[in-house]
Protein backbone atom coordinates (compact mmCIF):
# COMPACT_ATOMS: atom_id res chain seq x y z
CA MET A 1 72.94 106.65 147.31
CA ILE A 2 71.45 103.75 145.42
CA ARG A 3 67.91 102.41 145.45
CA GLY A 4 67.81 99.35 147.67
CA VAL A 5 68.18 97.86 151.14
CA MET A 6 70.86 96.11 153.17
CA ILE A 7 69.58 92.74 154.43
CA ALA A 8 71.49 92.16 157.66
CA ALA A 9 71.40 90.33 160.98
CA PRO A 10 73.17 90.53 164.35
CA ARG A 11 75.04 87.28 163.62
CA SER A 12 75.71 84.62 161.01
CA GLY A 13 73.10 81.92 160.54
CA GLY A 14 70.15 84.20 161.20
CA GLY A 15 68.45 83.73 157.83
CA LYS A 16 69.89 86.53 155.65
CA THR A 17 70.51 84.31 152.63
CA THR A 18 67.01 82.80 152.66
CA VAL A 19 65.42 86.24 152.87
CA THR A 20 67.67 87.68 150.17
CA LEU A 21 67.09 84.85 147.71
CA GLY A 22 63.37 84.79 148.36
CA LEU A 23 63.01 88.53 147.84
CA LEU A 24 65.18 88.52 144.71
CA ARG A 25 63.06 85.82 143.09
CA ALA A 26 59.77 87.29 144.36
CA PHE A 27 60.55 90.75 142.98
CA ARG A 28 61.71 89.26 139.69
CA ARG A 29 58.41 87.37 139.39
CA ARG A 30 56.60 90.66 139.96
CA GLY A 31 58.45 92.32 137.11
CA VAL A 32 60.77 94.44 139.29
CA ALA A 33 64.27 94.92 137.86
CA VAL A 34 66.41 93.73 140.78
CA VAL A 35 70.03 92.79 141.46
CA GLY A 36 71.75 91.07 144.38
CA LEU A 37 74.85 92.58 145.96
CA LYS A 38 77.04 90.90 148.59
CA SER A 39 78.92 92.69 151.34
CA GLY A 40 82.28 91.11 152.06
CA PRO A 41 84.40 88.39 150.45
CA ASP A 42 82.14 85.57 149.30
CA TYR A 43 82.09 83.65 146.02
CA ILE A 44 79.12 81.37 146.61
CA ASP A 45 76.21 83.60 147.66
CA PRO A 46 76.50 85.93 144.62
CA ALA A 47 76.06 82.99 142.24
CA PHE A 48 72.79 82.16 144.01
CA HIS A 49 71.78 85.82 143.79
CA ALA A 50 72.34 85.75 140.04
CA ALA A 51 70.33 82.55 139.69
CA ALA A 52 67.47 84.06 141.71
CA CYS A 53 67.16 87.33 139.79
CA GLY A 54 68.80 86.59 136.42
CA VAL A 55 71.43 89.33 136.76
CA GLU A 56 75.05 89.05 137.87
CA GLY A 57 75.72 91.20 140.93
CA VAL A 58 78.92 92.32 142.62
CA ASN A 59 80.81 92.01 145.92
CA LEU A 60 81.34 95.17 147.95
CA ASP A 61 84.07 95.18 150.59
CA SER A 62 84.89 98.24 152.64
CA TRP A 63 88.23 96.86 153.90
CA ALA A 64 89.66 95.78 150.56
CA MET A 65 88.08 98.46 148.35
CA ALA A 66 88.59 102.20 148.52
CA PRO A 67 85.29 104.05 149.01
CA ALA A 68 85.38 105.47 145.47
CA LEU A 69 85.80 101.99 143.97
CA LEU A 70 83.07 100.49 146.16
CA SER A 71 80.64 103.26 145.23
CA ALA A 72 81.44 102.94 141.53
CA LEU A 73 80.90 99.18 141.56
CA ALA A 74 77.58 99.58 143.35
CA ARG A 75 76.42 102.24 140.89
CA GLU A 76 77.37 100.11 137.91
CA ALA A 77 75.50 97.07 139.26
CA ALA A 78 72.41 98.97 140.45
CA THR A 79 71.80 101.15 137.42
CA ASP A 80 68.03 101.13 136.80
CA ARG A 81 67.64 98.28 139.30
CA LEU A 82 66.54 97.69 142.86
CA ALA A 83 69.58 96.54 144.87
CA LEU A 84 69.25 93.95 147.62
CA CYS A 85 72.60 93.80 149.42
CA GLU A 86 73.15 90.75 151.62
CA ALA A 87 75.36 91.46 154.63
CA SER A 88 78.10 89.16 155.86
CA MET A 89 78.37 87.87 159.45
CA GLY A 90 76.82 90.32 161.92
CA LEU A 91 75.95 93.80 160.68
CA PHE A 92 78.74 95.50 162.64
CA ASP A 93 81.38 92.74 162.50
CA GLY A 94 84.64 93.83 160.89
CA ALA A 95 88.37 94.22 161.37
CA PRO A 96 90.29 96.90 163.33
CA ALA A 97 90.59 99.73 160.80
CA PRO A 98 89.81 103.42 160.31
CA PRO A 99 86.10 104.32 160.31
CA GLY A 100 84.39 103.24 157.11
CA ARG A 101 87.16 100.76 156.17
CA THR A 102 86.52 97.90 158.62
CA GLY A 103 84.91 95.44 156.22
CA ALA A 104 81.68 95.52 158.24
CA SER A 105 78.44 95.52 156.28
CA ALA A 106 77.49 98.63 158.26
CA ASP A 107 80.22 100.51 156.36
CA VAL A 108 78.69 99.55 153.02
CA ALA A 109 75.18 100.52 154.10
CA ALA A 110 76.42 103.87 155.42
CA LEU A 111 78.48 104.70 152.33
CA LEU A 112 75.66 103.86 149.93
CA GLY A 113 72.85 105.27 152.06
CA LEU A 114 71.05 101.92 152.22
CA PRO A 115 68.31 101.44 154.83
CA VAL A 116 68.80 98.26 156.85
CA LEU A 117 66.28 95.40 156.86
CA LEU A 118 67.18 93.44 159.98
CA VAL A 119 66.57 89.68 160.05
CA LEU A 120 66.24 88.45 163.64
CA ASP A 121 66.31 84.79 164.64
CA VAL A 122 63.87 84.87 167.56
CA SER A 123 64.00 81.19 168.48
CA GLY A 124 64.35 80.87 172.25
CA GLN A 125 63.25 84.44 173.01
CA ALA A 126 60.28 86.77 172.81
CA GLN A 127 60.30 90.43 173.99
CA SER A 128 64.08 90.29 174.36
CA ALA A 129 64.26 90.46 170.55
CA ALA A 130 63.12 94.07 170.83
CA ALA A 131 66.21 94.91 172.87
CA ILE A 132 68.41 93.46 170.15
CA ALA A 133 66.56 95.37 167.43
CA LYS A 134 66.74 98.61 169.40
CA GLY A 135 70.44 98.09 170.10
CA CYS A 136 71.18 97.53 166.41
CA ALA A 137 69.18 100.64 165.52
CA ALA A 138 71.02 102.81 168.05
CA TYR A 139 74.56 101.40 167.80
CA ASP A 140 75.72 103.22 164.65
CA PRO A 141 74.28 106.70 164.02
CA ARG A 142 75.20 106.43 160.32
CA LEU A 143 72.51 103.76 159.79
CA ARG A 144 68.74 103.60 159.66
CA VAL A 145 67.14 100.28 160.60
CA ALA A 146 63.99 100.63 158.51
CA GLY A 147 62.31 97.33 159.28
CA VAL A 148 62.61 93.89 160.84
CA ILE A 149 61.82 90.39 159.63
CA VAL A 150 61.55 87.97 162.54
CA ASN A 151 62.68 84.44 161.70
CA ARG A 152 62.04 80.98 163.18
CA VAL A 153 58.80 82.00 164.86
CA GLY A 154 57.27 79.13 166.82
CA SER A 155 53.56 80.05 166.93
CA ALA A 156 51.04 82.83 166.41
CA ARG A 157 51.39 83.76 170.08
CA HIS A 158 55.17 83.87 169.78
CA ARG A 159 54.88 86.09 166.71
CA ARG A 160 52.58 88.56 168.52
CA LEU A 161 54.83 88.79 171.58
CA VAL A 162 57.93 89.45 169.48
CA SER A 163 56.35 91.77 166.92
CA ASP A 164 54.48 93.90 169.45
CA ALA A 165 57.65 94.42 171.49
CA ILE A 166 59.73 95.41 168.46
CA GLU A 167 57.11 97.81 167.11
CA ALA A 168 56.80 99.36 170.59
CA VAL A 169 60.41 100.59 170.26
CA GLY A 170 59.57 102.26 166.94
CA ILE A 171 60.76 99.71 164.37
CA PRO A 172 58.20 98.20 161.98
CA VAL A 173 58.00 94.43 161.62
CA VAL A 174 57.50 93.66 157.93
CA GLY A 175 57.57 89.86 158.07
CA ALA A 176 57.45 86.85 160.36
CA LEU A 177 58.89 83.56 159.13
CA PRO A 178 57.92 80.29 160.79
CA ARG A 179 60.46 77.53 161.25
CA ASN A 180 60.93 75.72 157.94
CA ASP A 181 63.71 73.20 157.31
CA LYS A 182 62.32 72.11 153.93
CA ILE A 183 63.72 75.08 152.02
CA ALA A 184 67.30 74.79 153.33
CA LEU A 185 69.98 74.69 150.64
CA PRO A 186 72.72 72.01 150.77
CA GLU A 187 76.05 73.00 152.30
CA ARG A 188 79.71 72.12 151.81
CA HIS A 189 82.92 72.94 153.68
CA LEU A 190 83.21 76.50 152.30
CA GLY A 191 79.48 77.29 152.58
CA LEU A 192 76.60 76.40 150.33
CA VAL A 193 77.05 73.88 147.54
CA GLN A 194 77.70 76.00 144.44
CA ALA A 195 74.66 77.25 142.56
CA GLY A 196 75.60 75.35 139.40
CA GLU A 197 75.79 72.08 141.33
CA THR A 198 72.56 72.45 143.36
CA ASP A 199 69.88 70.01 142.23
CA ALA A 200 66.64 71.56 140.96
CA LEU A 201 67.88 75.01 141.89
CA ASP A 202 65.17 76.92 140.03
CA ALA A 203 62.42 74.95 141.78
CA ARG A 204 64.14 75.53 145.14
CA LEU A 205 64.30 79.27 144.47
CA HIS A 206 60.60 79.36 143.57
CA ALA A 207 59.82 77.52 146.81
CA ILE A 208 61.87 80.02 148.84
CA ALA A 209 60.10 82.92 147.08
CA ASP A 210 56.70 81.33 147.79
CA PHE A 211 57.66 81.04 151.47
CA ILE A 212 58.82 84.67 151.64
CA GLU A 213 55.76 86.02 149.83
CA ALA A 214 53.46 84.10 152.19
CA HIS A 215 55.02 85.61 155.34
CA VAL A 216 56.62 88.93 154.34
CA ASP A 217 55.07 92.21 153.18
CA CYS A 218 57.05 92.56 149.94
CA ALA A 219 55.25 95.76 148.92
CA ARG A 220 56.29 97.37 152.19
CA ILE A 221 59.91 96.35 151.68
CA LEU A 222 59.80 97.83 148.18
CA ALA A 223 58.55 101.08 149.71
CA LEU A 224 61.39 101.06 152.27
CA ALA A 225 63.89 100.67 149.44
CA ASP A 226 62.44 103.42 147.29
CA GLY A 227 64.09 106.22 149.23
CA GLY A 228 67.14 106.22 146.94
CA PRO A 229 67.35 107.45 143.34
CA ASN A 230 66.87 105.25 140.29
CA LEU A 231 70.41 105.46 138.93
CA HIS A 232 71.40 105.63 135.30
CA ALA A 233 74.78 104.64 133.87
CA GLU A 234 77.45 107.18 134.71
CA THR A 235 81.21 107.63 135.15
CA THR A 236 83.92 105.51 133.60
CA PRO A 237 84.02 101.78 134.43
CA SER A 238 86.00 100.96 137.56
CA LEU A 239 89.22 98.93 137.40
CA PRO A 240 89.89 97.06 140.65
CA LEU A 241 92.90 95.16 139.21
CA ARG A 242 94.80 95.64 135.97
CA PRO A 243 94.35 92.78 133.48
CA PRO A 244 97.09 90.14 133.59
CA GLY A 245 97.11 90.07 129.78
CA GLN A 246 95.27 91.11 126.65
CA ARG A 247 93.79 87.63 126.13
CA ILE A 248 93.33 85.80 129.41
CA ALA A 249 92.83 82.03 129.51
CA LEU A 250 90.54 81.55 132.53
CA ALA A 251 89.87 78.12 134.02
CA ARG A 252 86.10 77.81 134.59
CA ASP A 253 84.34 74.68 135.83
CA ALA A 254 83.24 72.98 139.05
CA ALA A 255 86.87 72.76 140.25
CA PHE A 256 87.80 76.38 139.41
CA SER A 257 84.89 78.79 139.84
CA PHE A 258 85.93 81.30 142.49
CA ILE A 259 86.71 84.56 140.74
CA TYR A 260 85.00 87.82 141.58
CA PRO A 261 82.73 89.23 138.85
CA HIS A 262 84.07 92.74 139.45
CA LEU A 263 87.54 91.56 138.40
CA THR A 264 86.49 89.97 135.11
CA ARG A 265 84.12 92.88 134.42
CA GLY A 266 86.97 95.32 135.02
CA TRP A 267 89.33 93.40 132.75
CA ARG A 268 86.80 93.45 129.94
CA ALA A 269 86.17 97.16 130.47
CA ALA A 270 89.94 97.72 130.15
CA GLY A 271 89.89 95.99 126.75
CA ALA A 272 91.02 92.50 127.71
CA GLU A 273 89.37 89.37 126.33
CA ILE A 274 88.62 86.41 128.60
CA VAL A 275 88.84 82.94 127.07
CA PRO A 276 87.37 80.26 129.37
CA PHE A 277 88.52 76.65 129.38
CA SER A 278 87.68 73.61 131.51
CA PRO A 279 90.45 71.56 133.13
CA LEU A 280 87.85 68.96 134.17
CA ALA A 281 86.95 68.54 130.49
CA ASP A 282 90.70 68.06 129.84
CA GLU A 283 90.97 71.37 128.00
CA ALA A 284 94.23 73.34 127.94
CA PRO A 285 94.63 77.13 127.82
CA LEU A 286 94.54 78.26 124.19
CA ASN A 287 97.90 79.07 122.63
CA ASP A 288 96.76 82.47 121.37
CA CYS A 289 96.26 83.71 124.95
CA ASP A 290 99.02 85.65 126.67
CA ALA A 291 98.19 84.90 130.34
CA CYS A 292 96.51 82.06 132.23
CA TRP A 293 94.54 82.36 135.48
CA LEU A 294 93.49 79.40 137.61
CA PRO A 295 90.93 80.61 140.18
CA GLY A 296 90.03 79.02 143.46
CA GLY A 297 87.33 76.43 143.81
CA TYR A 298 87.17 72.77 144.78
CA PRO A 299 90.09 70.92 143.15
CA GLU A 300 90.24 68.69 146.24
CA LEU A 301 86.89 67.19 145.21
CA HIS A 302 88.17 66.44 141.70
CA ALA A 303 91.85 65.68 142.32
CA GLY A 304 91.84 62.28 140.62
CA ARG A 305 90.12 63.61 137.54
CA LEU A 306 92.51 66.56 137.32
CA ALA A 307 95.55 64.31 137.72
CA SER A 308 94.38 62.20 134.77
CA ALA A 309 93.62 65.20 132.54
CA GLY A 310 96.71 64.79 130.38
CA ARG A 311 95.90 67.39 127.72
CA PHE A 312 95.20 70.00 130.37
CA MET A 313 98.35 69.30 132.36
CA GLU A 314 100.69 69.15 129.37
CA GLY A 315 99.07 72.19 127.76
CA LEU A 316 99.42 74.16 130.98
CA ARG A 317 103.10 73.24 131.29
CA ARG A 318 103.71 74.21 127.67
CA PHE A 319 101.89 77.52 128.16
CA ALA A 320 103.97 78.34 131.26
CA ARG A 321 107.26 78.09 129.36
CA THR A 322 106.60 81.41 127.60
CA ARG A 323 103.69 83.16 129.34
CA PRO A 324 102.57 83.99 132.90
CA VAL A 325 100.35 81.59 134.84
CA HIS A 326 98.78 82.47 138.19
CA GLY A 327 96.83 80.26 140.59
CA GLU A 328 94.64 81.44 143.46
CA CYS A 329 93.96 79.03 146.33
CA GLY A 330 92.56 75.98 144.47
CA GLY A 331 94.48 77.08 141.39
CA TYR A 332 97.62 77.25 143.52
CA MET A 333 97.02 73.68 144.67
CA ALA A 334 96.70 72.51 141.06
CA LEU A 335 99.97 74.20 140.10
CA GLY A 336 101.91 72.37 142.83
CA ARG A 337 103.58 68.97 142.79
CA ALA A 338 100.84 67.02 144.55
CA LEU A 339 97.41 67.37 146.18
CA THR A 340 96.33 64.92 148.87
CA ASP A 341 92.56 64.48 148.99
CA ALA A 342 90.33 64.02 152.05
CA SER A 343 90.85 60.25 152.06
CA GLY A 344 94.62 60.67 152.26
CA ALA A 345 95.28 59.67 148.63
CA PRO A 346 97.94 61.78 146.89
CA HIS A 347 97.40 63.00 143.31
CA LYS A 348 100.06 64.36 141.01
CA MET A 349 99.42 67.94 139.91
CA ALA A 350 101.08 70.16 137.30
CA GLY A 351 104.43 70.47 139.10
CA LEU A 352 104.94 74.04 137.92
CA LEU A 353 105.47 74.99 141.56
CA SER A 354 107.16 72.77 144.14
CA VAL A 355 104.52 73.15 146.87
CA GLU A 356 102.50 70.12 148.01
CA THR A 357 99.07 70.62 149.56
CA SER A 358 96.72 68.43 151.57
CA PHE A 359 93.02 68.29 152.24
CA ALA A 360 93.44 65.29 154.54
CA ASP A 361 95.11 67.44 157.20
CA ARG A 362 92.40 70.10 157.35
CA ARG A 363 92.62 73.43 159.12
CA MET A 364 90.35 76.39 158.49
CA THR A 365 92.24 79.56 157.55
CA LEU A 366 90.34 82.76 156.86
CA GLY A 367 90.73 86.50 157.11
CA TYR A 368 91.73 89.65 155.28
CA ARG A 369 95.21 89.87 153.77
CA GLU A 370 97.36 92.63 152.32
CA ALA A 371 99.99 91.38 149.89
CA ARG A 372 103.08 93.19 148.58
CA LEU A 373 104.32 91.48 145.42
CA ALA A 374 107.83 90.06 145.77
CA ALA A 375 108.53 90.36 142.03
CA THR A 376 106.84 91.46 138.84
CA CYS A 377 104.22 88.93 137.81
CA ALA A 378 100.77 88.64 136.25
CA LEU A 379 99.23 90.67 139.11
CA GLY A 380 101.52 93.68 138.86
CA PRO A 381 105.05 95.05 139.31
CA THR A 382 107.41 94.39 142.19
CA GLY A 383 106.18 96.10 145.33
CA ALA A 384 102.58 96.52 144.18
CA VAL A 385 100.14 96.21 147.11
CA LEU A 386 96.96 94.19 146.77
CA ARG A 387 94.13 93.64 149.22
CA GLY A 388 92.13 90.43 149.49
CA HIS A 389 91.53 87.46 151.75
CA GLU A 390 92.14 83.78 152.47
CA PHE A 391 89.45 81.17 153.11
CA HIS A 392 90.49 77.53 152.85
CA TYR A 393 90.70 74.25 154.73
CA ALA A 394 93.64 72.82 152.80
CA THR A 395 97.11 72.95 154.32
CA ILE A 396 100.66 72.95 152.97
CA ALA A 397 102.16 69.49 153.34
CA ALA A 398 105.54 70.55 151.90
CA PRO A 399 106.39 74.17 151.03
CA GLY A 400 108.98 73.37 148.37
CA ARG A 401 111.91 75.58 147.45
CA ASP A 402 110.34 78.27 145.27
CA GLU A 403 110.72 81.99 145.86
CA PRO A 404 107.75 83.69 147.59
CA PHE A 405 104.92 85.18 145.57
CA ALA A 406 104.38 88.06 148.02
CA PHE A 407 104.94 89.33 151.53
CA VAL A 408 101.61 89.17 153.32
CA THR A 409 100.14 90.68 156.46
CA ASP A 410 96.65 90.58 157.94
CA ALA A 411 94.14 93.15 159.20
CA TYR A 412 95.50 92.89 162.75
CA GLY A 413 99.00 94.20 162.11
CA ALA A 414 100.95 90.94 161.86
CA ALA A 415 104.50 91.32 160.56
CA PRO A 416 104.71 90.75 156.78
CA ALA A 417 105.71 87.17 156.00
CA PRO A 418 106.63 85.42 152.75
CA ALA A 419 103.66 83.60 151.24
CA GLY A 420 102.89 81.59 148.15
CA SER A 421 105.30 80.43 145.47
CA ARG A 422 107.02 81.85 142.39
CA ARG A 423 109.04 79.98 139.82
CA GLY A 424 109.80 81.59 136.48
CA ARG A 425 106.57 82.97 135.03
CA VAL A 426 104.39 80.90 137.37
CA THR A 427 102.97 82.29 140.62
CA GLY A 428 100.39 81.17 143.14
CA SER A 429 99.19 81.42 146.72
CA PHE A 430 96.15 80.92 148.93
CA PHE A 431 95.56 84.71 148.65
CA HIS A 432 92.42 85.81 146.75
CA VAL A 433 92.82 89.29 145.34
CA ILE A 434 89.91 91.73 145.61
CA ALA A 435 91.50 95.02 144.53
CA GLU A 436 94.68 97.01 144.30
CA ALA A 437 95.35 98.91 147.51
């Protein structure tokens, strides 16, 4: 067990992120050592969590991570801290899998012994919200729904009707949030606009915390969370994925920002050094590095600038002649021959892989993936099995003639199919790795 709560809802869009960010900042302002965790594959929310509480958190995924790894990551992040874990989608939503390995946030709460704080959007209903709360409380015997925050309340009368009905079924209501569109964060095609790009983010977070403190009993939530122990550092650091090199050149800027903190933390714990560089600033990977990693992100928003970054492109090509280079999703697009932006304009990319990608012909692709490496590369030896996900709108305009990076299946039992590209020491695909299987 860890000391904390799972902040969940019956569906997406119910207000989990607002509640999580507001509580993180509110507790920080009160002097509580707190950290944000995120259930499921998500790059954007954890950056907002870190901005709200001042501490980098971690993603926890019961489908991609073995229970021992998930528990170790949670313990490392929550040592001497209150953990607020934001659920993904609906509390019980996951993939077909053995019990405890579905990817549902319920699995994470059950494994870690976290009480559930349920956020209910009660717009358009009153007493019926109690049926939803009771159903969530009864659906999975592993869980304890410890409290409810009702969201988008229309009036004092509405609040009384909803709250009285929920408390009548034995679940305390610890907050009631009125409708408020003024605190909404800006969004983009993969979710929120990234934390580092959000205007006046600190002021926005203070406003969200003010809103939460005005309508939620924070002391009561702290009491709900205090059932677990106050952990101290223990065990050896976890290693979700072996380092791709001893000194890793890692692209880091607004175009390439999607890499999970648990991966970089694990690489450092294994003795590797991470050397960041910015393609958008026309920086190349340093020559004294022995591997280069281009994460996902938003290269489609910066395609023209990347195409004109001559030092970056030439330095990357020079690096790839003697050392491994890997690109995930956006990084894969940058390694290809061309990237067509949303307006239909093509931009020349590094040409280290022969794939051509397009953001003009958009199609959302998302879901869990299991990848078996087709050949030894920066991510491991031939046949190594990795678990992760895809989430992108870009499509492949021309696949090129490269060998596949891996043979990939999904969580629903699809036949393994070749995916991604491999040419020499260069590999890439739309697959985001979370952990070794």
